[in-house]
């Protein structure tokens, strides 16, 4: 399995960094996970739009799904449109994005497969297990499994005993880490710190930790140091173009 980071900035994109977006490849299948703000240009650095085989979205915040719209436009309005793109998302999560255009305009560009966090299903060669994790809107923690490797991804989440289960023994644990050491009180049930991400990676026995969704302007060195207080294995920060090989 190969993970390419398209972006990892929380809330809004910056001049240097798109929001959450990850291209996961295995056995010739390309799965786009969380096409957030400004990820489509970064995707086009890697592949053409018709090379994406499916999309998987953790939740309905636009920093995780807004660029589904230009992706569908680029496919559906091309001179030779590719087959409809399977889009997997929690129930209702992409309604607002799909409503940006009149229904008939992109109707043939995608096929929507809605799920309830907690469901288990397959996308191409990937086994997909999901967990309902606490956030401001329903969010699916995602575990992608192949014969050789496991990638665990939190989406956006607050503290939960399910996170170590999601990441148990994962080759790579991709964890939101909006803050470094402390989340403001009002948001504490719904977001993580880098330090807590490190604690969960340690509890899960993950091989590697990749921090993502850092608040814009956060020093990645400080985030890594915070995670390293609890996790002794390799730690990275999601930046555009970063590639991780699993298995």
C-alpha atoms as a PDB file:
ATOM      1  CA  UNK A   1       0.000   0.000   0.000  1.00  0.00           C
ATOM      2  CA  UNK A   2       1.225   3.490  -0.858  1.00  0.00           C
ATOM      3  CA  UNK A   3      -0.047   6.713   0.737  1.00  0.00           C
ATOM      4  CA  UNK A   4       0.609  10.082  -0.900  1.00  0.00           C
ATOM      5  CA  UNK A   5      -0.324  13.180   1.102  1.00  0.00           C
ATOM      6  CA  UNK A   6      -2.122  15.850  -0.913  1.00  0.00           C
ATOM      7  CA  UNK A   7      -2.636  18.116   2.081  1.00  0.00           C
ATOM      8  CA  UNK A   8      -2.896  18.091   5.847  1.00  0.00           C
ATOM      9  CA  UNK A   9      -3.862  21.603   6.948  1.00  0.00           C
ATOM     10  CA  UNK A  10      -6.767  21.926   9.354  1.00  0.00           C
ATOM     11  CA  UNK A  11      -9.760  24.240   8.812  1.00  0.00           C
ATOM     12  CA  UNK A  12      -8.582  26.162   5.716  1.00  0.00           C
ATOM     13  CA  UNK A  13      -5.750  25.882   3.175  1.00  0.00           C
ATOM     14  CA  UNK A  14      -2.659  28.080   3.289  1.00  0.00           C
ATOM     15  CA  UNK A  15      -0.307  29.174   0.526  1.00  0.00           C
ATOM     16  CA  UNK A  16       1.889  26.164   1.307  1.00  0.00           C
ATOM     17  CA  UNK A  17      -0.630  23.520   2.310  1.00  0.00           C
ATOM     18  CA  UNK A  18      -3.943  22.131   1.115  1.00  0.00           C
ATOM     19  CA  UNK A  19      -6.445  20.721   3.581  1.00  0.00           C
ATOM     20  CA  UNK A  20      -6.881  17.022   4.261  1.00  0.00           C
ATOM     21  CA  UNK A  21      -6.421  14.801   1.235  1.00  0.00           C
ATOM     22  CA  UNK A  22      -4.725  11.440   0.715  1.00  0.00           C
ATOM     23  CA  UNK A  23      -4.215   9.208  -2.304  1.00  0.00           C
ATOM     24  CA  UNK A  24      -4.024   5.546  -1.298  1.00  0.00           C
ATOM     25  CA  UNK A  25      -2.869   3.043  -3.911  1.00  0.00           C
ATOM     26  CA  UNK A  26      -2.747  -0.732  -3.905  1.00  0.00           C
ATOM     27  CA  UNK A  27      -2.731  -3.367  -6.664  1.00  0.00           C
ATOM     28  CA  UNK A  28      -3.305  -0.689  -9.298  1.00  0.00           C
ATOM     29  CA  UNK A  29      -6.363   0.737  -7.519  1.00  0.00           C
ATOM     30  CA  UNK A  30      -6.372   4.442  -6.578  1.00  0.00           C
ATOM     31  CA  UNK A  31      -8.536   5.504  -3.661  1.00  0.00           C
ATOM     32  CA  UNK A  32      -8.878   9.206  -2.856  1.00  0.00           C
ATOM     33  CA  UNK A  33      -9.536   9.782   0.840  1.00  0.00           C
ATOM     34  CA  UNK A  34     -10.971  13.156   1.971  1.00  0.00           C
ATOM     35  CA  UNK A  35     -10.710  15.595  -0.969  1.00  0.00           C
ATOM     36  CA  UNK A  36     -10.606  18.752   1.172  1.00  0.00           C
ATOM     37  CA  UNK A  37     -10.077  22.364   0.108  1.00  0.00           C
ATOM     38  CA  UNK A  38      -7.327  22.838  -2.515  1.00  0.00           C
ATOM     39  CA  UNK A  39      -6.479  19.145  -2.849  1.00  0.00           C
ATOM     40  CA  UNK A  40      -7.470  18.767  -6.508  1.00  0.00           C
ATOM     41  CA  UNK A  41      -4.403  20.659  -7.850  1.00  0.00           C
ATOM     42  CA  UNK A  42      -2.185  18.493  -5.642  1.00  0.00           C
ATOM     43  CA  UNK A  43      -3.984  15.371  -6.906  1.00  0.00           C
ATOM     44  CA  UNK A  44      -3.272  16.490 -10.468  1.00  0.00           C
ATOM     45  CA  UNK A  45       0.427  16.559  -9.591  1.00  0.00           C
ATOM     46  CA  UNK A  46       0.105  12.788  -9.116  1.00  0.00           C
ATOM     47  CA  UNK A  47      -2.553  11.434 -11.496  1.00  0.00           C
ATOM     48  CA  UNK A  48      -5.196  12.491 -13.989  1.00  0.00           C
ATOM     49  CA  UNK A  49      -8.767  12.825 -12.726  1.00  0.00           C
ATOM     50  CA  UNK A  50      -9.913   9.769 -14.671  1.00  0.00           C
ATOM     51  CA  UNK A  51      -7.285   7.636 -12.895  1.00  0.00           C
ATOM     52  CA  UNK A  52      -9.107   7.872  -9.547  1.00  0.00           C
ATOM     53  CA  UNK A  53     -11.083   4.676  -8.966  1.00  0.00           C
ATOM     54  CA  UNK A  54     -13.100   5.663  -5.884  1.00  0.00           C
ATOM     55  CA  UNK A  55     -13.460   8.327  -3.189  1.00  0.00           C
ATOM     56  CA  UNK A  56     -13.865   7.739   0.554  1.00  0.00           C
ATOM     57  CA  UNK A  57     -14.888  10.613   2.830  1.00  0.00           C
ATOM     58  CA  UNK A  58     -14.673  10.612   6.626  1.00  0.00           C
ATOM     59  CA  UNK A  59     -17.150  13.427   7.305  1.00  0.00           C
ATOM     60  CA  UNK A  60     -18.943  16.393   5.803  1.00  0.00           C
ATOM     61  CA  UNK A  61     -16.780  19.354   6.804  1.00  0.00           C
ATOM     62  CA  UNK A  62     -15.552  21.172   3.669  1.00  0.00           C
ATOM     63  CA  UNK A  63     -11.889  20.899   4.622  1.00  0.00           C
ATOM     64  CA  UNK A  64     -12.416  17.167   4.030  1.00  0.00           C
ATOM     65  CA  UNK A  65     -14.756  17.074   1.031  1.00  0.00           C
ATOM     66  CA  UNK A  66     -15.057  20.445  -0.777  1.00  0.00           C
ATOM     67  CA  UNK A  67     -12.843  19.463  -3.706  1.00  0.00           C
ATOM     68  CA  UNK A  68     -15.171  16.608  -4.570  1.00  0.00           C
ATOM     69  CA  UNK A  69     -17.031  19.250  -6.582  1.00  0.00           C
ATOM     70  CA  UNK A  70     -14.198  20.260  -8.942  1.00  0.00           C
ATOM     71  CA  UNK A  71     -13.127  16.626  -9.206  1.00  0.00           C
ATOM     72  CA  UNK A  72     -16.602  15.639 -10.428  1.00  0.00           C
ATOM     73  CA  UNK A  73     -16.724  18.664 -12.737  1.00  0.00           C
ATOM     74  CA  UNK A  74     -13.368  17.744 -14.254  1.00  0.00           C
ATOM     75  CA  UNK A  75     -14.574  14.206 -14.898  1.00  0.00           C
ATOM     76  CA  UNK A  76     -18.217  14.823 -15.815  1.00  0.00           C
ATOM     77  CA  UNK A  77     -17.690  17.815 -18.106  1.00  0.00           C
ATOM     78  CA  UNK A  78     -14.727  16.408 -20.018  1.00  0.00           C
ATOM     79  CA  UNK A  79     -14.984  15.590 -23.720  1.00  0.00           C
ATOM     80  CA  UNK A  80     -14.857  11.861 -22.945  1.00  0.00           C
ATOM     81  CA  UNK A  81     -16.222  11.386 -19.421  1.00  0.00           C
ATOM     82  CA  UNK A  82     -14.911   8.343 -17.537  1.00  0.00           C
ATOM     83  CA  UNK A  83     -17.333   5.932 -15.840  1.00  0.00           C
ATOM     84  CA  UNK A  84     -19.236   7.219 -12.797  1.00  0.00           C
ATOM     85  CA  UNK A  85     -16.946   7.633  -9.787  1.00  0.00           C
ATOM     86  CA  UNK A  86     -17.944   5.619  -6.688  1.00  0.00           C
ATOM     87  CA  UNK A  87     -18.153   8.038  -3.733  1.00  0.00           C
ATOM     88  CA  UNK A  88     -18.390   6.510  -0.259  1.00  0.00           C
ATOM     89  CA  UNK A  89     -19.431   8.855   2.549  1.00  0.00           C
ATOM     90  CA  UNK A  90     -21.419   8.906   5.790  1.00  0.00           C
ATOM     91  CA  UNK A  91     -25.103   9.491   5.238  1.00  0.00           C
ATOM     92  CA  UNK A  92     -25.746  13.108   4.278  1.00  0.00           C
ATOM     93  CA  UNK A  93     -22.077  14.123   4.511  1.00  0.00           C
ATOM     94  CA  UNK A  94     -21.718  15.298   0.916  1.00  0.00           C
ATOM     95  CA  UNK A  95     -25.220  16.659   0.344  1.00  0.00           C
ATOM     96  CA  UNK A  96     -24.030  20.281   0.493  1.00  0.00           C
ATOM     97  CA  UNK A  97     -21.143  19.682  -1.915  1.00  0.00           C
ATOM     98  CA  UNK A  98     -23.342  17.841  -4.396  1.00  0.00           C
ATOM     99  CA  UNK A  99     -25.894  20.668  -4.199  1.00  0.00           C
ATOM    100  CA  UNK A 100     -23.390  23.212  -5.535  1.00  0.00           C
ATOM    101  CA  UNK A 101     -24.493  22.293  -9.073  1.00  0.00           C
ATOM    102  CA  UNK A 102     -27.908  21.469 -10.467  1.00  0.00           C
ATOM    103  CA  UNK A 103     -28.494  17.734 -10.039  1.00  0.00           C
ATOM    104  CA  UNK A 104     -28.563  16.923 -13.750  1.00  0.00           C
ATOM    105  CA  UNK A 105     -25.186  18.534 -14.418  1.00  0.00           C
ATOM    106  CA  UNK A 106     -23.068  15.939 -12.622  1.00  0.00           C
ATOM    107  CA  UNK A 107     -25.577  13.120 -12.177  1.00  0.00           C
ATOM    108  CA  UNK A 108     -23.636  10.780 -14.452  1.00  0.00           C
ATOM    109  CA  UNK A 109     -20.253  11.656 -12.947  1.00  0.00           C
ATOM    110  CA  UNK A 110     -20.633   9.721  -9.685  1.00  0.00           C
ATOM    111  CA  UNK A 111     -22.453   6.979  -7.816  1.00  0.00           C
ATOM    112  CA  UNK A 112     -23.028   7.731  -4.148  1.00  0.00           C
ATOM    113  CA  UNK A 113     -22.631   4.910  -1.619  1.00  0.00           C
ATOM    114  CA  UNK A 114     -23.649   6.148   1.822  1.00  0.00           C
ATOM    115  CA  UNK A 115     -22.735   4.307   5.002  1.00  0.00           C
ATOM    116  CA  UNK A 116     -23.200   4.627   8.737  1.00  0.00           C
ATOM    117  CA  UNK A 117     -19.984   4.909  10.762  1.00  0.00           C
ATOM    118  CA  UNK A 118     -19.572   1.458  12.275  1.00  0.00           C
ATOM    119  CA  UNK A 119     -20.246  -0.263   8.942  1.00  0.00           C
ATOM    120  CA  UNK A 120     -17.794  -2.650   7.295  1.00  0.00           C
ATOM    121  CA  UNK A 121     -17.502  -2.897   3.510  1.00  0.00           C
ATOM    122  CA  UNK A 122     -15.004  -3.178   0.649  1.00  0.00           C
ATOM    123  CA  UNK A 123     -13.728  -0.672  -1.885  1.00  0.00           C
ATOM    124  CA  UNK A 124     -11.790  -2.367  -4.659  1.00  0.00           C
ATOM    125  CA  UNK A 125      -8.965  -4.351  -2.992  1.00  0.00           C
ATOM    126  CA  UNK A 126      -9.379  -2.579   0.357  1.00  0.00           C
ATOM    127  CA  UNK A 127     -11.276  -3.910   3.317  1.00  0.00           C
ATOM    128  CA  UNK A 128     -12.845  -0.917   5.078  1.00  0.00           C
ATOM    129  CA  UNK A 129     -13.774  -0.884   8.755  1.00  0.00           C
ATOM    130  CA  UNK A 130     -15.302   2.271  10.213  1.00  0.00           C
ATOM    131  CA  UNK A 131     -15.883   3.627  13.699  1.00  0.00           C
ATOM    132  CA  UNK A 132     -18.110   6.492  14.827  1.00  0.00           C
ATOM    133  CA  UNK A 133     -15.676   8.918  16.441  1.00  0.00           C
ATOM    134  CA  UNK A 134     -16.665  12.125  18.288  1.00  0.00           C
ATOM    135  CA  UNK A 135     -16.654  15.333  16.262  1.00  0.00           C
ATOM    136  CA  UNK A 136     -18.936  18.306  15.608  1.00  0.00           C
ATOM    137  CA  UNK A 137     -20.637  16.264  12.853  1.00  0.00           C
ATOM    138  CA  UNK A 138     -20.763  12.477  12.387  1.00  0.00           C
ATOM    139  CA  UNK A 139     -17.224  11.345  11.595  1.00  0.00           C
ATOM    140  CA  UNK A 140     -15.978   7.942  10.512  1.00  0.00           C
ATOM    141  CA  UNK A 141     -12.626   6.692  11.701  1.00  0.00           C
ATOM    142  CA  UNK A 142     -11.349   4.510   8.870  1.00  0.00           C
ATOM    143  CA  UNK A 143      -9.196   1.379   8.821  1.00  0.00           C
ATOM    144  CA  UNK A 144      -8.032   0.225   5.373  1.00  0.00           C
ATOM    145  CA  UNK A 145      -6.748  -3.331   5.173  1.00  0.00           C
ATOM    146  CA  UNK A 146      -5.015  -5.292   2.427  1.00  0.00           C
ATOM    147  CA  UNK A 147      -3.305  -8.671   2.508  1.00  0.00           C
ATOM    148  CA  UNK A 148      -0.010  -6.964   3.395  1.00  0.00           C
ATOM    149  CA  UNK A 149      -0.753  -3.849   5.424  1.00  0.00           C
ATOM    150  CA  UNK A 150      -3.096  -1.676   7.487  1.00  0.00           C
ATOM    151  CA  UNK A 151      -3.660   2.072   7.346  1.00  0.00           C
ATOM    152  CA  UNK A 152      -5.717   3.639  10.144  1.00  0.00           C
ATOM    153  CA  UNK A 153      -7.104   7.181   9.829  1.00  0.00           C
ATOM    154  CA  UNK A 154      -9.064   9.134  12.410  1.00  0.00           C
ATOM    155  CA  UNK A 155     -10.710  11.721  10.187  1.00  0.00           C
ATOM    156  CA  UNK A 156     -11.354  14.495  12.728  1.00  0.00           C
ATOM    157  CA  UNK A 157     -12.054  13.325  16.251  1.00  0.00           C
ATOM    158  CA  UNK A 158     -11.961  14.068  19.917  1.00  0.00           C
ATOM    159  CA  UNK A 159     -10.766  11.629  22.579  1.00  0.00           C
ATOM    160  CA  UNK A 160     -12.278   8.159  22.339  1.00  0.00           C
ATOM    161  CA  UNK A 161     -11.446   4.659  23.618  1.00  0.00           C
ATOM    162  CA  UNK A 162     -12.208   3.435  20.092  1.00  0.00           C
ATOM    163  CA  UNK A 163      -9.154   5.163  18.612  1.00  0.00           C
ATOM    164  CA  UNK A 164      -6.611   2.556  19.832  1.00  0.00           C
ATOM    165  CA  UNK A 165      -8.939  -0.152  18.494  1.00  0.00           C
ATOM    166  CA  UNK A 166      -9.070   1.599  15.131  1.00  0.00           C
ATOM    167  CA  UNK A 167      -5.266   1.810  15.007  1.00  0.00           C
ATOM    168  CA  UNK A 168      -4.452  -1.563  16.593  1.00  0.00           C
ATOM    169  CA  UNK A 169      -1.234  -2.866  15.057  1.00  0.00           C
ATOM    170  CA  UNK A 170      -1.484  -0.504  12.087  1.00  0.00           C
ATOM    171  CA  UNK A 171       1.510  -0.100   9.806  1.00  0.00           C
ATOM    172  CA  UNK A 172       0.669   3.609   9.693  1.00  0.00           C
ATOM    173  CA  UNK A 173      -1.627   5.584  11.984  1.00  0.00           C
ATOM    174  CA  UNK A 174      -2.760   8.833  10.338  1.00  0.00           C
ATOM    175  CA  UNK A 175      -4.108  10.908  13.199  1.00  0.00           C
ATOM    176  CA  UNK A 176      -5.614  14.332  13.466  1.00  0.00           C
ATOM    177  CA  UNK A 177      -3.585  16.580  15.766  1.00  0.00           C
ATOM    178  CA  UNK A 178      -5.194  20.001  15.557  1.00  0.00           C
ATOM    179  CA  UNK A 179      -3.361  21.287  18.634  1.00  0.00           C
ATOM    180  CA  UNK A 180      -0.057  20.322  20.224  1.00  0.00           C
ATOM    181  CA  UNK A 181      -0.704  20.004  23.988  1.00  0.00           C
ATOM    182  CA  UNK A 182      -4.117  21.467  24.824  1.00  0.00           C
ATOM    183  CA  UNK A 183      -7.430  21.848  23.023  1.00  0.00           C
ATOM    184  CA  UNK A 184      -9.541  24.892  23.985  1.00  0.00           C
ATOM    185  CA  UNK A 185     -12.215  23.783  26.456  1.00  0.00           C
ATOM    186  CA  UNK A 186     -15.183  24.270  24.129  1.00  0.00           C
ATOM    187  CA  UNK A 187     -13.609  22.060  21.464  1.00  0.00           C
ATOM    188  CA  UNK A 188     -11.937  19.502  23.731  1.00  0.00           C
ATOM    189  CA  UNK A 189     -14.549  16.735  23.147  1.00  0.00           C
ATOM    190  CA  UNK A 190     -14.152  17.020  19.370  1.00  0.00           C
ATOM    191  CA  UNK A 191     -10.458  17.477  18.530  1.00  0.00           C
ATOM    192  CA  UNK A 192      -7.110  15.929  19.495  1.00  0.00           C
ATOM    193  CA  UNK A 193      -3.652  17.109  20.458  1.00  0.00           C
ATOM    194  CA  UNK A 194      -0.451  15.766  18.988  1.00  0.00           C
ATOM    195  CA  UNK A 195       0.469  14.456  22.415  1.00  0.00           C
ATOM    196  CA  UNK A 196      -2.776  12.494  22.689  1.00  0.00           C
ATOM    197  CA  UNK A 197      -2.287  11.170  19.160  1.00  0.00           C
ATOM    198  CA  UNK A 198       1.075   9.859  20.359  1.00  0.00           C
ATOM    199  CA  UNK A 199      -0.555   8.222  23.374  1.00  0.00           C
ATOM    200  CA  UNK A 200      -3.120   6.488  21.164  1.00  0.00           C
ATOM    201  CA  UNK A 201      -0.431   5.322  18.735  1.00  0.00           C
ATOM    202  CA  UNK A 202       1.480   3.846  21.683  1.00  0.00           C
ATOM    203  CA  UNK A 203      -1.618   2.115  23.076  1.00  0.00           C
ATOM    204  CA  UNK A 204      -2.440   0.713  19.638  1.00  0.00           C
ATOM    205  CA  UNK A 205       1.045  -0.646  18.994  1.00  0.00           C
ATOM    206  CA  UNK A 206       1.173   1.204  15.669  1.00  0.00           C
ATOM    207  CA  UNK A 207       4.420   1.030  13.723  1.00  0.00           C
ATOM    208  CA  UNK A 208       4.414   4.661  12.581  1.00  0.00           C
ATOM    209  CA  UNK A 209       2.467   7.834  13.330  1.00  0.00           C
ATOM    210  CA  UNK A 210       1.670  10.566  10.813  1.00  0.00           C
ATOM    211  CA  UNK A 211       0.144  13.728  12.286  1.00  0.00           C
ATOM    212  CA  UNK A 212      -2.350  15.676  10.198  1.00  0.00           C
ATOM    213  CA  UNK A 213      -4.985  18.431  10.395  1.00  0.00           C
ATOM    214  CA  UNK A 214      -2.617  20.737  12.302  1.00  0.00           C
ATOM    215  CA  UNK A 215      -4.075  24.176  12.904  1.00  0.00           C
ATOM    216  CA  UNK A 216      -2.686  26.635  10.318  1.00  0.00           C
ATOM    217  CA  UNK A 217       0.579  28.108  11.540  1.00  0.00           C
ATOM    218  CA  UNK A 218       1.392  25.262  13.938  1.00  0.00           C
ATOM    219  CA  UNK A 219       5.105  24.481  14.073  1.00  0.00           C
ATOM    220  CA  UNK A 220       5.437  20.860  12.850  1.00  0.00           C
ATOM    221  CA  UNK A 221       8.561  20.386  14.973  1.00  0.00           C
ATOM    222  CA  UNK A 222       6.580  21.228  18.120  1.00  0.00           C
ATOM    223  CA  UNK A 223       3.816  18.840  17.052  1.00  0.00           C
ATOM    224  CA  UNK A 224       6.288  15.993  16.519  1.00  0.00           C
ATOM    225  CA  UNK A 225       7.948  16.671  19.859  1.00  0.00           C
ATOM    226  CA  UNK A 226       4.561  16.591  21.607  1.00  0.00           C
ATOM    227  CA  UNK A 227       3.670  13.243  20.029  1.00  0.00           C
ATOM    228  CA  UNK A 228       7.115  11.865  20.885  1.00  0.00           C
ATOM    229  CA  UNK A 229       6.406  12.397  24.586  1.00  0.00           C
ATOM    230  CA  UNK A 230       4.244   9.281  24.361  1.00  0.00           C
ATOM    231  CA  UNK A 231       5.291   7.458  21.176  1.00  0.00           C
ATOM    232  CA  UNK A 232       8.832   6.204  20.608  1.00  0.00           C
ATOM    233  CA  UNK A 233       8.479   5.033  16.996  1.00  0.00           C
ATOM    234  CA  UNK A 234       8.773   7.107  13.798  1.00  0.00           C
ATOM    235  CA  UNK A 235       6.591  10.241  13.694  1.00  0.00           C
ATOM    236  CA  UNK A 236       5.938  12.452  10.678  1.00  0.00           C
ATOM    237  CA  UNK A 237       3.723  15.408   9.808  1.00  0.00           C
ATOM    238  CA  UNK A 238       1.498  15.326   6.724  1.00  0.00           C
ATOM    239  CA  UNK A 239       2.851  17.680   4.068  1.00  0.00           C
ATOM    240  CA  UNK A 240       2.010  17.772   0.336  1.00  0.00           C
ATOM    241  CA  UNK A 241       3.908  15.188  -1.653  1.00  0.00           C
ATOM    242  CA  UNK A 242       4.967  13.085   1.331  1.00  0.00           C
ATOM    243  CA  UNK A 243       4.869   9.397   0.370  1.00  0.00           C
ATOM    244  CA  UNK A 244       4.624   6.482   2.794  1.00  0.00           C
ATOM    245  CA  UNK A 245       4.965   2.841   1.774  1.00  0.00           C
ATOM    246  CA  UNK A 246       3.181   0.300   3.968  1.00  0.00           C
ATOM    247  CA  UNK A 247       3.936  -3.387   4.127  1.00  0.00           C
END
